Amino acid sequence: MIVERLPEHLREEAVSLWQDAGLTRPWNDPRADLDRALGSPSSTVLAAVEDGRLTGTAMVGHDGHRGWVYYVAVHPSRRGQGLGRELMAAAEHWVAGRGIPKMQLMVRTTNTGTREFYERMGYAVQDTVVLGKFFDPERQARQSGPARLSGGDR
Protein backbone atom coordinates (compact mmCIF):
# COMPACT_ATOMS: atom_id res chain seq x y z
CA MET A 1 0.00 0.00 0.00
CA ILE A 2 1.19 3.51 -0.85
CA VAL A 3 0.31 6.74 0.97
CA GLU A 4 0.72 9.63 -1.46
CA ARG A 5 -0.85 12.89 -2.52
CA LEU A 6 -4.38 12.13 -3.72
CA PRO A 7 -4.22 11.32 -7.45
CA GLU A 8 -6.50 13.45 -9.61
CA HIS A 9 -8.51 10.45 -10.85
CA LEU A 10 -9.45 9.49 -7.25
CA ARG A 11 -10.95 12.82 -6.22
CA GLU A 12 -14.59 11.74 -6.53
CA GLU A 13 -13.82 8.49 -4.70
CA ALA A 14 -12.40 10.56 -1.84
CA VAL A 15 -15.55 12.66 -1.61
CA SER A 16 -17.68 9.49 -1.65
CA LEU A 17 -15.55 7.97 1.09
CA TRP A 18 -15.97 11.09 3.24
CA GLN A 19 -19.72 11.04 2.72
CA ASP A 20 -19.97 7.31 3.50
CA ALA A 21 -17.88 7.83 6.65
CA GLY A 22 -20.21 10.60 7.87
CA LEU A 23 -17.53 13.29 7.71
CA THR A 24 -19.42 15.79 5.57
CA ARG A 25 -21.92 18.37 6.75
CA PRO A 26 -24.54 20.30 4.74
CA TRP A 27 -22.78 23.61 5.36
CA ASN A 28 -19.39 22.37 4.07
CA ASP A 29 -18.82 21.49 0.44
CA PRO A 30 -16.34 18.58 0.44
CA ARG A 31 -15.33 19.24 -3.18
CA ALA A 32 -14.50 22.85 -2.34
CA ASP A 33 -12.56 21.66 0.73
CA LEU A 34 -10.66 19.25 -1.50
CA ASP A 35 -9.90 21.96 -4.08
CA ARG A 36 -8.61 24.35 -1.39
CA ALA A 37 -6.41 21.69 0.21
CA LEU A 38 -4.88 20.56 -3.06
CA GLY A 39 -4.48 24.12 -4.34
CA SER A 40 -2.46 25.45 -1.41
CA PRO A 41 1.24 25.00 -0.65
CA SER A 42 0.38 24.69 3.07
CA SER A 43 -1.97 21.70 2.69
CA THR A 44 -2.66 18.50 0.80
CA VAL A 45 -4.80 15.39 0.85
CA LEU A 46 -2.94 12.17 1.52
CA ALA A 47 -4.38 9.00 0.05
CA ALA A 48 -3.82 5.36 0.87
CA VAL A 49 -3.88 3.58 -2.47
CA GLU A 50 -3.81 -0.17 -2.83
CA ASP A 51 -3.94 -1.90 -6.21
CA GLY A 52 -5.03 1.41 -7.75
CA ARG A 53 -7.98 1.74 -5.36
CA LEU A 54 -8.50 4.40 -2.70
CA THR A 55 -8.56 2.84 0.77
CA GLY A 56 -8.18 5.92 2.96
CA THR A 57 -7.54 9.65 3.17
CA ALA A 58 -6.22 12.35 5.48
CA MET A 59 -6.44 16.06 4.64
CA VAL A 60 -3.53 17.82 6.27
CA GLY A 61 -2.32 21.38 6.46
CA HIS A 62 -0.73 23.98 8.69
CA ASP A 63 -1.07 27.62 9.63
CA GLY A 64 2.64 28.14 10.28
CA HIS A 65 2.33 27.30 13.98
CA ARG A 66 0.27 24.12 14.19
CA GLY A 67 -0.75 21.37 11.85
CA TRP A 68 -4.34 20.32 11.34
CA VAL A 69 -5.80 17.09 10.03
CA TYR A 70 -9.32 16.58 8.66
CA TYR A 71 -11.21 14.01 6.63
CA VAL A 72 -9.37 11.01 8.07
CA ALA A 73 -11.36 8.16 6.55
CA VAL A 74 -10.74 4.48 5.95
CA HIS A 75 -12.72 2.32 3.53
CA PRO A 76 -15.05 -0.01 5.49
CA SER A 77 -13.28 -3.10 4.11
CA ARG A 78 -9.98 -1.89 5.61
CA ARG A 79 -11.12 -0.68 9.04
CA GLY A 80 -9.49 -2.26 12.06
CA GLN A 81 -6.30 -3.13 10.16
CA GLY A 82 -4.09 -0.21 11.21
CA LEU A 83 -4.67 1.94 8.13
CA GLY A 84 -5.98 4.86 10.20
CA ARG A 85 -2.75 4.80 12.20
CA GLU A 86 -0.71 4.71 8.99
CA LEU A 87 -2.60 7.70 7.58
CA MET A 88 -2.11 9.66 10.80
CA ALA A 89 1.60 8.80 10.83
CA ALA A 90 1.88 10.06 7.25
CA ALA A 91 -0.01 13.25 8.18
CA GLU A 92 2.24 13.82 11.20
CA HIS A 93 5.32 13.23 9.03
CA TRP A 94 4.05 15.73 6.44
CA VAL A 95 3.50 18.40 9.12
CA ALA A 96 6.72 17.74 11.06
CA GLY A 97 8.67 17.80 7.80
CA ARG A 98 7.64 21.44 7.37
CA GLY A 99 9.02 22.42 10.78
CA ILE A 100 5.62 22.68 12.43
CA PRO A 101 5.82 21.73 16.14
CA LYS A 102 2.28 20.54 16.85
CA MET A 103 -0.61 18.65 15.26
CA GLN A 104 -4.22 19.32 16.17
CA LEU A 105 -7.57 17.93 15.12
CA MET A 106 -11.20 18.33 16.03
CA VAL A 107 -13.58 15.53 16.95
CA ARG A 108 -17.28 16.03 17.50
CA THR A 109 -18.19 15.57 21.16
CA THR A 110 -20.61 12.77 20.32
CA ASN A 111 -17.95 10.73 18.46
CA THR A 112 -16.42 8.89 21.43
CA GLY A 113 -14.98 6.00 19.42
CA THR A 114 -12.97 8.34 17.24
CA ARG A 115 -11.83 10.34 20.24
CA GLU A 116 -10.56 7.14 21.86
CA PHE A 117 -8.68 6.25 18.64
CA TYR A 118 -6.79 9.54 18.74
CA GLU A 119 -6.16 9.32 22.49
CA ARG A 120 -4.51 5.90 21.95
CA MET A 121 -2.21 7.66 19.47
CA GLY A 122 -1.14 10.19 22.11
CA TYR A 123 -3.54 13.02 21.36
CA ALA A 124 -5.03 14.73 24.40
CA VAL A 125 -7.93 17.10 24.98
CA GLN A 126 -6.60 20.66 24.89
CA ASP A 127 -7.81 23.36 27.23
CA THR A 128 -9.40 25.40 24.44
CA VAL A 129 -12.77 26.04 22.87
CA VAL A 130 -13.07 26.25 19.10
CA LEU A 131 -15.31 29.07 17.88
CA GLY A 132 -16.27 29.61 14.28
CA LYS A 133 -18.19 31.93 12.01
CA PHE A 134 -19.12 31.61 8.36
CA PHE A 135 -18.75 34.75 6.27
CA ASP A 136 -21.71 33.60 4.16
CA PRO A 137 -24.92 34.24 6.20
CA GLU A 138 -26.72 31.43 4.36
CA ARG A 139 -24.12 28.87 5.41
CA GLN A 140 -24.12 30.26 8.96
CA ALA A 141 -27.89 29.80 9.12
CA ARG A 142 -27.65 26.16 7.94
CA GLN A 143 -25.35 25.29 10.81
CA SER A 144 -27.64 24.68 13.76
CA GLY A 145 -28.35 22.39 16.68
CA PRO A 146 -25.84 20.31 18.65
CA ALA A 147 -23.36 20.08 15.75
CA ARG A 148 -22.91 23.85 15.94
CA LEU A 149 -21.54 23.52 19.44
CA SER A 150 -19.40 20.47 18.82
CA GLY A 151 -16.24 22.28 17.80
CA GLY A 152 -15.78 19.86 14.92
CA ASP A 153 -16.83 22.13 12.10
CA ARG A 154 -14.80 24.39 9.90
C-alpha atoms as a PDB file:
ATOM      1  CA  MET A   1       0.000   0.000   0.000  1.00  0.00           C
ATOM      2  CA  ILE A   2       1.192   3.506  -0.850  1.00  0.00           C
ATOM      3  CA  VAL A   3       0.309   6.742   0.974  1.00  0.00           C
ATOM      4  CA  GLU A   4       0.724   9.626  -1.458  1.00  0.00           C
ATOM      5  CA  ARG A   5      -0.852  12.888  -2.523  1.00  0.00           C
ATOM      6  CA  LEU A   6      -4.379  12.129  -3.723  1.00  0.00           C
ATOM      7  CA  PRO A   7      -4.217  11.323  -7.446  1.00  0.00           C
ATOM      8  CA  GLU A   8      -6.500  13.450  -9.611  1.00  0.00           C
ATOM      9  CA  HIS A   9      -8.508  10.453 -10.852  1.00  0.00           C
ATOM     10  CA  LEU A  10      -9.452   9.487  -7.252  1.00  0.00           C
ATOM     11  CA  ARG A  11     -10.948  12.824  -6.221  1.00  0.00           C
ATOM     12  CA  GLU A  12     -14.589  11.738  -6.530  1.00  0.00           C
ATOM     13  CA  GLU A  13     -13.816   8.488  -4.703  1.00  0.00           C
ATOM     14  CA  ALA A  14     -12.398  10.561  -1.843  1.00  0.00           C
ATOM     15  CA  VAL A  15     -15.555  12.664  -1.608  1.00  0.00           C
ATOM     16  CA  SER A  16     -17.683   9.494  -1.648  1.00  0.00           C
ATOM     17  CA  LEU A  17     -15.548   7.974   1.095  1.00  0.00           C
ATOM     18  CA  TRP A  18     -15.968  11.090   3.242  1.00  0.00           C
ATOM     19  CA  GLN A  19     -19.722  11.042   2.717  1.00  0.00           C
ATOM     20  CA  ASP A  20     -19.969   7.311   3.497  1.00  0.00           C
ATOM     21  CA  ALA A  21     -17.885   7.827   6.651  1.00  0.00           C
ATOM     22  CA  GLY A  22     -20.212  10.600   7.868  1.00  0.00           C
ATOM     23  CA  LEU A  23     -17.530  13.291   7.713  1.00  0.00           C
ATOM     24  CA  THR A  24     -19.420  15.785   5.567  1.00  0.00           C
ATOM     25  CA  ARG A  25     -21.922  18.367   6.754  1.00  0.00           C
ATOM     26  CA  PRO A  26     -24.536  20.297   4.744  1.00  0.00           C
ATOM     27  CA  TRP A  27     -22.784  23.614   5.364  1.00  0.00           C
ATOM     28  CA  ASN A  28     -19.394  22.366   4.071  1.00  0.00           C
ATOM     29  CA  ASP A  29     -18.823  21.485   0.436  1.00  0.00           C
ATOM     30  CA  PRO A  30     -16.337  18.575   0.435  1.00  0.00           C
ATOM     31  CA  ARG A  31     -15.333  19.239  -3.185  1.00  0.00           C
ATOM     32  CA  ALA A  32     -14.499  22.855  -2.340  1.00  0.00           C
ATOM     33  CA  ASP A  33     -12.561  21.661   0.734  1.00  0.00           C
ATOM     34  CA  LEU A  34     -10.661  19.247  -1.504  1.00  0.00           C
ATOM     35  CA  ASP A  35      -9.904  21.964  -4.075  1.00  0.00           C
ATOM     36  CA  ARG A  36      -8.613  24.353  -1.389  1.00  0.00           C
ATOM     37  CA  ALA A  37      -6.411  21.694   0.214  1.00  0.00           C
ATOM     38  CA  LEU A  38      -4.883  20.557  -3.063  1.00  0.00           C
ATOM     39  CA  GLY A  39      -4.480  24.116  -4.336  1.00  0.00           C
ATOM     40  CA  SER A  40      -2.459  25.451  -1.409  1.00  0.00           C
ATOM     41  CA  PRO A  41       1.237  24.998  -0.646  1.00  0.00           C
ATOM     42  CA  SER A  42       0.378  24.686   3.065  1.00  0.00           C
ATOM     43  CA  SER A  43      -1.973  21.699   2.692  1.00  0.00           C
ATOM     44  CA  THR A  44      -2.656  18.496   0.799  1.00  0.00           C
ATOM     45  CA  VAL A  45      -4.803  15.387   0.846  1.00  0.00           C
ATOM     46  CA  LEU A  46      -2.937  12.173   1.516  1.00  0.00           C
ATOM     47  CA  ALA A  47      -4.380   9.002   0.052  1.00  0.00           C
ATOM     48  CA  ALA A  48      -3.815   5.357   0.874  1.00  0.00           C
ATOM     49  CA  VAL A  49      -3.881   3.582  -2.470  1.00  0.00           C
ATOM     50  CA  GLU A  50      -3.814  -0.169  -2.833  1.00  0.00           C
ATOM     51  CA  ASP A  51      -3.939  -1.901  -6.214  1.00  0.00           C
ATOM     52  CA  GLY A  52      -5.027   1.409  -7.746  1.00  0.00           C
ATOM     53  CA  ARG A  53      -7.984   1.742  -5.358  1.00  0.00           C
ATOM     54  CA  LEU A  54      -8.503   4.400  -2.703  1.00  0.00           C
ATOM     55  CA  THR A  55      -8.557   2.837   0.765  1.00  0.00           C
ATOM     56  CA  GLY A  56      -8.178   5.916   2.963  1.00  0.00           C
ATOM     57  CA  THR A  57      -7.544   9.652   3.172  1.00  0.00           C
ATOM     58  CA  ALA A  58      -6.217  12.347   5.476  1.00  0.00           C
ATOM     59  CA  MET A  59      -6.444  16.057   4.636  1.00  0.00           C
ATOM     60  CA  VAL A  60      -3.527  17.823   6.267  1.00  0.00           C
ATOM     61  CA  GLY A  61      -2.316  21.383   6.459  1.00  0.00           C
ATOM     62  CA  HIS A  62      -0.730  23.981   8.692  1.00  0.00           C
ATOM     63  CA  ASP A  63      -1.071  27.617   9.632  1.00  0.00           C
ATOM     64  CA  GLY A  64       2.644  28.140  10.278  1.00  0.00           C
ATOM     65  CA  HIS A  65       2.328  27.295  13.978  1.00  0.00           C
ATOM     66  CA  ARG A  66       0.267  24.120  14.190  1.00  0.00           C
ATOM     67  CA  GLY A  67      -0.750  21.370  11.846  1.00  0.00           C
ATOM     68  CA  TRP A  68      -4.339  20.323  11.344  1.00  0.00           C
ATOM     69  CA  VAL A  69      -5.802  17.094  10.031  1.00  0.00           C
ATOM     70  CA  TYR A  70      -9.317  16.577   8.657  1.00  0.00           C
ATOM     71  CA  TYR A  71     -11.208  14.009   6.627  1.00  0.00           C
ATOM     72  CA  VAL A  72      -9.369  11.012   8.067  1.00  0.00           C
ATOM     73  CA  ALA A  73     -11.358   8.163   6.554  1.00  0.00           C
ATOM     74  CA  VAL A  74     -10.744   4.479   5.948  1.00  0.00           C
ATOM     75  CA  HIS A  75     -12.721   2.324   3.534  1.00  0.00           C
ATOM     76  CA  PRO A  76     -15.051  -0.010   5.487  1.00  0.00           C
ATOM     77  CA  SER A  77     -13.283  -3.100   4.106  1.00  0.00           C
ATOM     78  CA  ARG A  78      -9.983  -1.892   5.612  1.00  0.00           C
ATOM     79  CA  ARG A  79     -11.122  -0.679   9.037  1.00  0.00           C
ATOM     80  CA  GLY A  80      -9.487  -2.255  12.064  1.00  0.00           C
ATOM     81  CA  GLN A  81      -6.304  -3.133  10.155  1.00  0.00           C
ATOM     82  CA  GLY A  82      -4.094  -0.210  11.208  1.00  0.00           C
ATOM     83  CA  LEU A  83      -4.669   1.937   8.130  1.00  0.00           C
ATOM     84  CA  GLY A  84      -5.980   4.863  10.195  1.00  0.00           C
ATOM     85  CA  ARG A  85      -2.754   4.804  12.203  1.00  0.00           C
ATOM     86  CA  GLU A  86      -0.710   4.711   8.985  1.00  0.00           C
ATOM     87  CA  LEU A  87      -2.600   7.695   7.585  1.00  0.00           C
ATOM     88  CA  MET A  88      -2.106   9.656  10.795  1.00  0.00           C
ATOM     89  CA  ALA A  89       1.601   8.796  10.831  1.00  0.00           C
ATOM     90  CA  ALA A  90       1.883  10.061   7.250  1.00  0.00           C
ATOM     91  CA  ALA A  91      -0.011  13.252   8.177  1.00  0.00           C
ATOM     92  CA  GLU A  92       2.240  13.819  11.197  1.00  0.00           C
ATOM     93  CA  HIS A  93       5.320  13.227   9.035  1.00  0.00           C
ATOM     94  CA  TRP A  94       4.047  15.730   6.440  1.00  0.00           C
ATOM     95  CA  VAL A  95       3.496  18.402   9.124  1.00  0.00           C
ATOM     96  CA  ALA A  96       6.718  17.743  11.057  1.00  0.00           C
ATOM     97  CA  GLY A  97       8.668  17.802   7.795  1.00  0.00           C
ATOM     98  CA  ARG A  98       7.637  21.437   7.374  1.00  0.00           C
ATOM     99  CA  GLY A  99       9.015  22.418  10.779  1.00  0.00           C
ATOM    100  CA  ILE A 100       5.617  22.676  12.430  1.00  0.00           C
ATOM    101  CA  PRO A 101       5.822  21.733  16.140  1.00  0.00           C
ATOM    102  CA  LYS A 102       2.279  20.539  16.852  1.00  0.00           C
ATOM    103  CA  MET A 103      -0.611  18.649  15.265  1.00  0.00           C
ATOM    104  CA  GLN A 104      -4.223  19.324  16.172  1.00  0.00           C
ATOM    105  CA  LEU A 105      -7.567  17.929  15.125  1.00  0.00           C
ATOM    106  CA  MET A 106     -11.199  18.333  16.025  1.00  0.00           C
ATOM    107  CA  VAL A 107     -13.581  15.530  16.953  1.00  0.00           C
ATOM    108  CA  ARG A 108     -17.283  16.030  17.496  1.00  0.00           C
ATOM    109  CA  THR A 109     -18.188  15.571  21.156  1.00  0.00           C
ATOM    110  CA  THR A 110     -20.614  12.765  20.315  1.00  0.00           C
ATOM    111  CA  ASN A 111     -17.951  10.730  18.463  1.00  0.00           C
ATOM    112  CA  THR A 112     -16.425   8.893  21.429  1.00  0.00           C
ATOM    113  CA  GLY A 113     -14.976   5.999  19.420  1.00  0.00           C
ATOM    114  CA  THR A 114     -12.966   8.340  17.238  1.00  0.00           C
ATOM    115  CA  ARG A 115     -11.829  10.342  20.236  1.00  0.00           C
ATOM    116  CA  GLU A 116     -10.564   7.139  21.860  1.00  0.00           C
ATOM    117  CA  PHE A 117      -8.682   6.246  18.644  1.00  0.00           C
ATOM    118  CA  TYR A 118      -6.786   9.536  18.736  1.00  0.00           C
ATOM    119  CA  GLU A 119      -6.162   9.323  22.488  1.00  0.00           C
ATOM    120  CA  ARG A 120      -4.512   5.900  21.954  1.00  0.00           C
ATOM    121  CA  MET A 121      -2.211   7.655  19.468  1.00  0.00           C
ATOM    122  CA  GLY A 122      -1.135  10.190  22.114  1.00  0.00           C
ATOM    123  CA  TYR A 123      -3.537  13.020  21.356  1.00  0.00           C
ATOM    124  CA  ALA A 124      -5.033  14.734  24.397  1.00  0.00           C
ATOM    125  CA  VAL A 125      -7.928  17.101  24.980  1.00  0.00           C
ATOM    126  CA  GLN A 126      -6.597  20.660  24.888  1.00  0.00           C
ATOM    127  CA  ASP A 127      -7.809  23.359  27.235  1.00  0.00           C
ATOM    128  CA  THR A 128      -9.400  25.396  24.436  1.00  0.00           C
ATOM    129  CA  VAL A 129     -12.771  26.039  22.872  1.00  0.00           C
ATOM    130  CA  VAL A 130     -13.071  26.250  19.099  1.00  0.00           C
ATOM    131  CA  LEU A 131     -15.309  29.069  17.882  1.00  0.00           C
ATOM    132  CA  GLY A 132     -16.265  29.612  14.281  1.00  0.00           C
ATOM    133  CA  LYS A 133     -18.187  31.934  12.006  1.00  0.00           C
ATOM    134  CA  PHE A 134     -19.123  31.606   8.357  1.00  0.00           C
ATOM    135  CA  PHE A 135     -18.754  34.749   6.269  1.00  0.00           C
ATOM    136  CA  ASP A 136     -21.707  33.604   4.162  1.00  0.00           C
ATOM    137  CA  PRO A 137     -24.918  34.235   6.200  1.00  0.00           C
ATOM    138  CA  GLU A 138     -26.724  31.427   4.362  1.00  0.00           C
ATOM    139  CA  ARG A 139     -24.116  28.872   5.415  1.00  0.00           C
ATOM    140  CA  GLN A 140     -24.119  30.259   8.961  1.00  0.00           C
ATOM    141  CA  ALA A 141     -27.894  29.799   9.116  1.00  0.00           C
ATOM    142  CA  ARG A 142     -27.653  26.155   7.939  1.00  0.00           C
ATOM    143  CA  GLN A 143     -25.353  25.295  10.807  1.00  0.00           C
ATOM    144  CA  SER A 144     -27.637  24.679  13.758  1.00  0.00           C
ATOM    145  CA  GLY A 145     -28.350  22.390  16.685  1.00  0.00           C
ATOM    146  CA  PRO A 146     -25.842  20.309  18.650  1.00  0.00           C
ATOM    147  CA  ALA A 147     -23.359  20.078  15.749  1.00  0.00           C
ATOM    148  CA  ARG A 148     -22.912  23.846  15.940  1.00  0.00           C
ATOM    149  CA  LEU A 149     -21.538  23.523  19.444  1.00  0.00           C
ATOM    150  CA  SER A 150     -19.397  20.466  18.823  1.00  0.00           C
ATOM    151  CA  GLY A 151     -16.243  22.278  17.796  1.00  0.00           C
ATOM    152  CA  GLY A 152     -15.785  19.862  14.924  1.00  0.00           C
ATOM    153  CA  ASP A 153     -16.835  22.134  12.098  1.00  0.00           C
ATOM    154  CA  ARG A 154     -14.797  24.391   9.900  1.00  0.00           C
END
